[in-house]
N, C-alpha and C. Protein backbone atom coordinates (compact mmCIF):
# COMPACT_ATOMS: atom_id res chain seq x y z
N MET A 1 0.75 -1.14 -0.11
CA MET A 1 0.01 0.03 -0.01
C MET A 1 0.82 1.30 0.03
N LYS A 2 1.96 1.24 0.80
CA LYS A 2 2.87 2.33 0.74
C LYS A 2 3.37 2.78 -0.59
N ASN A 3 3.73 1.65 -1.32
CA ASN A 3 4.29 1.87 -2.75
C ASN A 3 3.14 2.53 -3.54
N TRP A 4 1.99 2.10 -3.53
CA TRP A 4 0.86 2.39 -4.32
C TRP A 4 0.53 3.92 -4.02
N LEU A 5 0.57 4.36 -2.60
CA LEU A 5 0.26 5.78 -2.21
C LEU A 5 1.34 6.63 -2.78
N LYS A 6 2.63 6.11 -2.84
CA LYS A 6 3.81 7.05 -3.36
C LYS A 6 3.47 7.06 -4.87
N LYS A 7 3.13 6.13 -5.51
CA LYS A 7 2.96 6.13 -7.11
C LYS A 7 1.79 7.29 -7.30
N ASN A 8 0.92 7.29 -6.34
CA ASN A 8 -0.15 8.20 -6.50
C ASN A 8 0.00 9.46 -5.99
N ASN A 9 1.16 9.95 -5.82
CA ASN A 9 1.48 11.22 -5.40
C ASN A 9 1.12 11.61 -4.09
N ILE A 10 0.92 10.67 -3.07
CA ILE A 10 0.61 11.13 -1.63
C ILE A 10 2.02 11.35 -1.13
N PRO A 11 2.20 12.51 -0.48
CA PRO A 11 3.49 13.08 0.10
C PRO A 11 3.94 12.08 1.16
N HIS A 12 5.20 11.71 1.09
CA HIS A 12 5.73 10.71 2.01
C HIS A 12 5.44 10.99 3.46
N HIS A 13 5.59 12.26 3.93
CA HIS A 13 5.25 12.67 5.36
C HIS A 13 3.87 12.40 5.76
N LYS A 14 3.01 12.19 4.82
CA LYS A 14 1.67 11.84 5.14
C LYS A 14 1.38 10.23 5.18
N ILE A 15 2.33 9.50 5.00
CA ILE A 15 2.25 7.91 5.07
C ILE A 15 2.83 7.52 6.34
N ILE A 16 2.03 6.79 7.17
CA ILE A 16 2.45 6.19 8.38
C ILE A 16 2.25 4.67 8.09
N GLU A 17 3.47 3.90 8.28
CA GLU A 17 3.40 2.62 7.87
C GLU A 17 3.43 1.73 9.32
N GLU A 18 2.38 0.87 9.52
CA GLU A 18 2.46 0.08 10.68
C GLU A 18 2.90 -1.31 10.18
N ASN A 19 4.14 -1.73 10.58
CA ASN A 19 4.65 -2.96 9.99
C ASN A 19 4.98 -4.01 10.93
N ASN A 20 4.46 -3.97 12.26
CA ASN A 20 4.62 -4.97 13.37
C ASN A 20 3.63 -6.05 13.43
N SER A 21 2.58 -5.84 12.77
CA SER A 21 1.35 -6.75 12.84
C SER A 21 1.68 -7.96 11.96
N LYS A 22 0.88 -9.14 12.39
CA LYS A 22 0.98 -10.45 11.68
C LYS A 22 -0.39 -10.53 11.12
N ASN A 23 -1.43 -9.89 11.33
CA ASN A 23 -2.79 -10.06 10.87
C ASN A 23 -3.57 -8.82 10.87
N THR A 24 -4.93 -8.85 10.58
CA THR A 24 -5.73 -7.55 10.51
C THR A 24 -6.01 -7.13 11.85
N VAL A 25 -6.24 -8.05 12.83
CA VAL A 25 -6.61 -7.63 14.17
C VAL A 25 -5.30 -6.86 14.91
N GLU A 26 -4.09 -7.38 14.76
CA GLU A 26 -3.05 -6.56 15.23
C GLU A 26 -2.79 -5.34 14.52
N ASN A 27 -3.05 -5.41 13.22
CA ASN A 27 -2.85 -4.13 12.30
C ASN A 27 -3.79 -3.05 12.80
N ALA A 28 -5.00 -3.23 13.20
CA ALA A 28 -6.03 -2.34 13.87
C ALA A 28 -5.55 -2.02 15.10
N ILE A 29 -5.19 -2.87 16.03
CA ILE A 29 -4.77 -2.44 17.29
C ILE A 29 -3.44 -1.51 17.21
N TYR A 30 -2.46 -1.98 16.59
CA TYR A 30 -1.20 -1.20 16.51
C TYR A 30 -1.44 0.14 15.80
N SER A 31 -2.31 0.22 14.88
CA SER A 31 -2.56 1.42 13.97
C SER A 31 -3.30 2.44 14.76
N MET A 32 -4.25 1.93 15.44
CA MET A 32 -5.06 2.75 16.38
C MET A 32 -4.18 3.26 17.55
N ASP A 33 -3.27 2.51 18.01
CA ASP A 33 -2.44 3.01 19.04
C ASP A 33 -1.54 4.14 18.46
N ILE A 34 -1.09 4.06 17.36
CA ILE A 34 -0.35 5.21 16.72
C ILE A 34 -1.19 6.43 16.50
N VAL A 35 -2.43 6.17 16.04
CA VAL A 35 -3.54 7.36 15.77
C VAL A 35 -3.69 8.00 17.09
N ASN A 36 -3.89 7.24 18.20
CA ASN A 36 -4.30 7.89 19.53
C ASN A 36 -3.01 8.54 20.11
N LYS A 37 -1.89 7.90 20.08
CA LYS A 37 -0.72 8.43 20.68
C LYS A 37 -0.05 9.86 19.97
N LYS A 38 -0.47 9.86 18.70
CA LYS A 38 -0.01 10.98 17.93
C LYS A 38 -1.10 11.99 17.99
N ASN A 39 -2.33 11.69 18.51
CA ASN A 39 -3.42 12.55 18.68
C ASN A 39 -4.07 13.11 17.32
N PHE A 40 -4.10 12.23 16.29
CA PHE A 40 -4.61 12.55 15.04
C PHE A 40 -6.13 12.92 15.23
N ASN A 41 -6.50 13.79 14.47
CA ASN A 41 -7.98 14.04 14.38
C ASN A 41 -8.72 13.15 13.44
N SER A 42 -8.06 12.65 12.49
CA SER A 42 -8.78 11.64 11.59
C SER A 42 -7.72 10.75 10.90
N VAL A 43 -8.29 9.70 10.29
CA VAL A 43 -7.38 8.73 9.62
C VAL A 43 -8.11 8.40 8.25
N THR A 44 -7.23 7.96 7.30
CA THR A 44 -7.68 7.35 6.22
C THR A 44 -7.24 5.78 6.16
N LEU A 45 -8.08 4.97 5.95
CA LEU A 45 -7.62 3.64 5.91
C LEU A 45 -7.50 3.14 4.44
N ILE A 46 -6.35 2.66 4.10
CA ILE A 46 -6.09 2.23 2.73
C ILE A 46 -5.86 0.78 2.56
N THR A 47 -6.72 -0.05 1.94
CA THR A 47 -6.61 -1.39 1.74
C THR A 47 -7.31 -1.86 0.49
N SER A 48 -7.14 -3.20 0.35
CA SER A 48 -7.90 -3.72 -0.94
C SER A 48 -9.51 -3.56 -0.82
N ASP A 49 -10.17 -3.73 -1.89
CA ASP A 49 -11.63 -3.84 -1.75
C ASP A 49 -12.23 -4.89 -1.00
N THR A 50 -11.59 -6.00 -1.26
CA THR A 50 -12.11 -7.20 -0.37
C THR A 50 -11.84 -7.21 1.08
N HIS A 51 -10.84 -6.42 1.41
CA HIS A 51 -10.51 -6.40 2.77
C HIS A 51 -11.12 -5.24 3.55
N MET A 52 -11.57 -4.36 2.81
CA MET A 52 -11.98 -3.02 3.44
C MET A 52 -13.08 -3.12 4.53
N LYS A 53 -14.10 -3.95 4.22
CA LYS A 53 -15.24 -4.01 5.02
C LYS A 53 -14.62 -4.54 6.32
N ARG A 54 -13.89 -5.64 6.47
CA ARG A 54 -13.35 -6.25 7.72
C ARG A 54 -12.36 -5.33 8.43
N ALA A 55 -11.57 -4.54 7.78
CA ALA A 55 -10.69 -3.90 8.23
C ALA A 55 -11.38 -2.56 9.04
N TYR A 56 -12.23 -2.04 8.09
CA TYR A 56 -13.16 -0.92 8.62
C TYR A 56 -13.85 -1.46 10.01
N ILE A 57 -14.45 -2.35 10.07
CA ILE A 57 -15.18 -2.94 11.32
C ILE A 57 -14.24 -3.09 12.54
N LEU A 58 -13.09 -3.50 12.16
CA LEU A 58 -12.10 -3.76 13.25
C LEU A 58 -11.59 -2.32 13.83
N PHE A 59 -11.22 -1.48 12.91
CA PHE A 59 -10.73 -0.18 13.22
C PHE A 59 -11.85 0.73 13.94
N LYS A 60 -13.14 0.57 13.46
CA LYS A 60 -14.20 1.23 14.12
C LYS A 60 -14.41 0.72 15.50
N GLU A 61 -14.13 -0.41 15.82
CA GLU A 61 -14.34 -1.02 17.17
C GLU A 61 -13.34 -0.54 18.24
N LEU A 62 -12.23 -0.28 17.59
CA LEU A 62 -11.03 0.40 18.30
C LEU A 62 -11.10 1.84 18.35
N ASP A 63 -11.98 2.58 17.73
CA ASP A 63 -12.02 4.08 17.65
C ASP A 63 -12.71 4.63 19.05
N TYR A 64 -11.91 4.56 20.03
CA TYR A 64 -12.47 5.22 21.25
C TYR A 64 -12.66 6.77 21.20
N TYR A 65 -11.94 7.25 20.38
CA TYR A 65 -12.17 8.69 20.29
C TYR A 65 -12.74 9.29 19.06
N ASN A 66 -13.57 8.32 18.43
CA ASN A 66 -14.23 8.75 17.08
C ASN A 66 -13.51 9.41 16.13
N LYS A 67 -12.19 8.99 15.81
CA LYS A 67 -11.60 9.53 14.69
C LYS A 67 -12.01 9.13 13.36
N ILE A 68 -12.45 7.94 13.43
CA ILE A 68 -12.90 7.31 12.05
C ILE A 68 -14.49 7.62 11.87
N SER A 69 -14.69 8.37 10.84
CA SER A 69 -16.15 8.84 10.78
C SER A 69 -16.64 8.60 9.36
N SER A 70 -15.80 8.19 8.52
CA SER A 70 -16.21 7.92 7.10
C SER A 70 -16.94 6.77 6.90
N THR A 71 -17.73 6.49 5.75
CA THR A 71 -18.20 5.31 5.47
C THR A 71 -17.50 4.50 4.48
N ILE A 72 -17.70 3.16 4.43
CA ILE A 72 -17.02 2.36 3.48
C ILE A 72 -17.28 2.67 2.09
N LYS A 73 -16.39 3.02 1.22
CA LYS A 73 -16.69 3.28 -0.13
C LYS A 73 -15.79 2.26 -1.06
N SER A 74 -16.42 1.85 -2.16
CA SER A 74 -15.72 0.87 -3.08
C SER A 74 -15.15 1.75 -4.06
N HIS A 75 -13.89 1.51 -4.49
CA HIS A 75 -13.32 2.20 -5.49
C HIS A 75 -12.89 1.31 -6.79
N THR A 76 -13.64 0.29 -6.88
CA THR A 76 -13.43 -0.58 -7.86
C THR A 76 -14.43 -0.35 -8.99
N ILE A 77 -14.13 -0.78 -10.35
CA ILE A 77 -15.06 -0.60 -11.29
C ILE A 77 -16.23 -1.73 -11.17
N ALA A 78 -15.81 -2.82 -11.23
CA ALA A 78 -16.80 -3.98 -11.01
C ALA A 78 -16.29 -5.01 -9.92
N ASN A 79 -17.04 -5.17 -9.07
CA ASN A 79 -16.80 -5.87 -7.89
C ASN A 79 -17.63 -7.15 -7.82
N THR A 80 -17.33 -8.32 -8.29
CA THR A 80 -18.22 -9.57 -8.42
C THR A 80 -17.62 -10.67 -7.30
N ASN A 81 -17.03 -10.13 -6.24
CA ASN A 81 -16.42 -11.09 -5.26
C ASN A 81 -17.64 -11.65 -4.43
N ASN A 82 -17.56 -12.86 -4.07
CA ASN A 82 -18.50 -13.61 -3.00
C ASN A 82 -17.88 -13.18 -1.55
N TYR A 83 -18.83 -12.54 -0.86
CA TYR A 83 -18.33 -11.90 0.39
C TYR A 83 -18.56 -12.97 1.67
N THR A 84 -19.10 -14.08 1.39
CA THR A 84 -19.41 -15.00 2.36
C THR A 84 -18.27 -15.42 3.25
N LYS A 85 -17.18 -15.69 2.70
CA LYS A 85 -15.81 -15.91 3.33
C LYS A 85 -15.53 -14.83 4.16
N GLU A 86 -15.53 -13.49 3.59
CA GLU A 86 -15.31 -12.33 4.37
C GLU A 86 -16.09 -12.15 5.56
N ASP A 87 -17.34 -12.42 5.54
CA ASP A 87 -18.12 -12.21 6.63
C ASP A 87 -17.98 -13.25 7.79
N GLN A 88 -17.44 -14.43 7.28
CA GLN A 88 -16.98 -15.33 8.36
C GLN A 88 -15.74 -14.93 9.03
N LEU A 89 -14.80 -14.22 8.13
CA LEU A 89 -13.60 -13.76 8.71
C LEU A 89 -13.73 -12.47 9.68
N ILE A 90 -14.81 -11.76 9.34
CA ILE A 90 -15.26 -10.64 10.23
C ILE A 90 -15.63 -11.11 11.65
N ALA A 91 -16.51 -12.10 11.54
CA ALA A 91 -16.98 -12.70 12.83
C ALA A 91 -15.80 -13.24 13.69
N LYS A 92 -14.88 -13.92 13.03
CA LYS A 92 -13.73 -14.65 13.54
C LYS A 92 -12.72 -13.44 14.15
N ASN A 93 -12.59 -12.44 13.35
CA ASN A 93 -11.56 -11.38 13.88
C ASN A 93 -12.22 -10.47 14.97
N LEU A 94 -13.46 -10.30 14.90
CA LEU A 94 -14.13 -9.64 15.94
C LEU A 94 -13.96 -10.43 17.32
N LYS A 95 -14.18 -11.71 17.28
CA LYS A 95 -13.95 -12.47 18.52
C LYS A 95 -12.60 -12.36 19.04
N GLU A 96 -11.68 -12.46 18.15
CA GLU A 96 -10.24 -12.47 18.58
C GLU A 96 -9.93 -10.96 19.21
N LEU A 97 -10.55 -9.95 18.54
CA LEU A 97 -10.33 -8.53 18.97
C LEU A 97 -10.95 -8.45 20.40
N TYR A 98 -12.18 -8.86 20.68
CA TYR A 98 -12.75 -8.77 21.89
C TYR A 98 -12.07 -9.47 23.07
N LYS A 99 -11.38 -10.60 22.55
CA LYS A 99 -10.55 -11.38 23.72
C LYS A 99 -9.35 -10.62 23.83
N ARG A 100 -8.68 -10.08 22.89
CA ARG A 100 -7.56 -9.23 23.30
C ARG A 100 -7.90 -8.12 24.21
N ILE A 101 -8.99 -7.41 23.73
CA ILE A 101 -9.41 -6.20 24.65
C ILE A 101 -9.52 -6.62 26.06
N LYS A 102 -10.42 -7.80 26.28
CA LYS A 102 -10.63 -8.20 27.55
C LYS A 102 -9.38 -8.63 28.23
N ASN A 103 -8.37 -9.26 27.57
CA ASN A 103 -7.19 -9.65 28.25
C ASN A 103 -6.23 -8.55 28.50
N SER A 104 -6.40 -7.39 27.90
CA SER A 104 -5.52 -6.25 28.13
C SER A 104 -5.99 -5.53 29.33
N LYS A 105 -7.21 -5.69 29.92
CA LYS A 105 -7.72 -4.84 30.92
C LYS A 105 -7.25 -5.34 32.32
């Protein structure tokens, strides 16, 4: 994604890369930690169209300070993907996220 952003003329100083995560749940946790530590007013989530719904839901669950206010928008011309598997992954990831939140308290 970082390379795609650079190719599309996003200034380097506007890109913050989270590269410690091993999965989407960790990416949401670590990224929102960065957002909150740096006290950002808003964030833009960049990911693939098939991954956006799951990522958005996880990030929104961690959005304690309501910095994520946009809605999911598809930027593909034709999306014919079957999202059944994605919905199953969302449920699995939310379960993992809630477990991690509970264990961190």
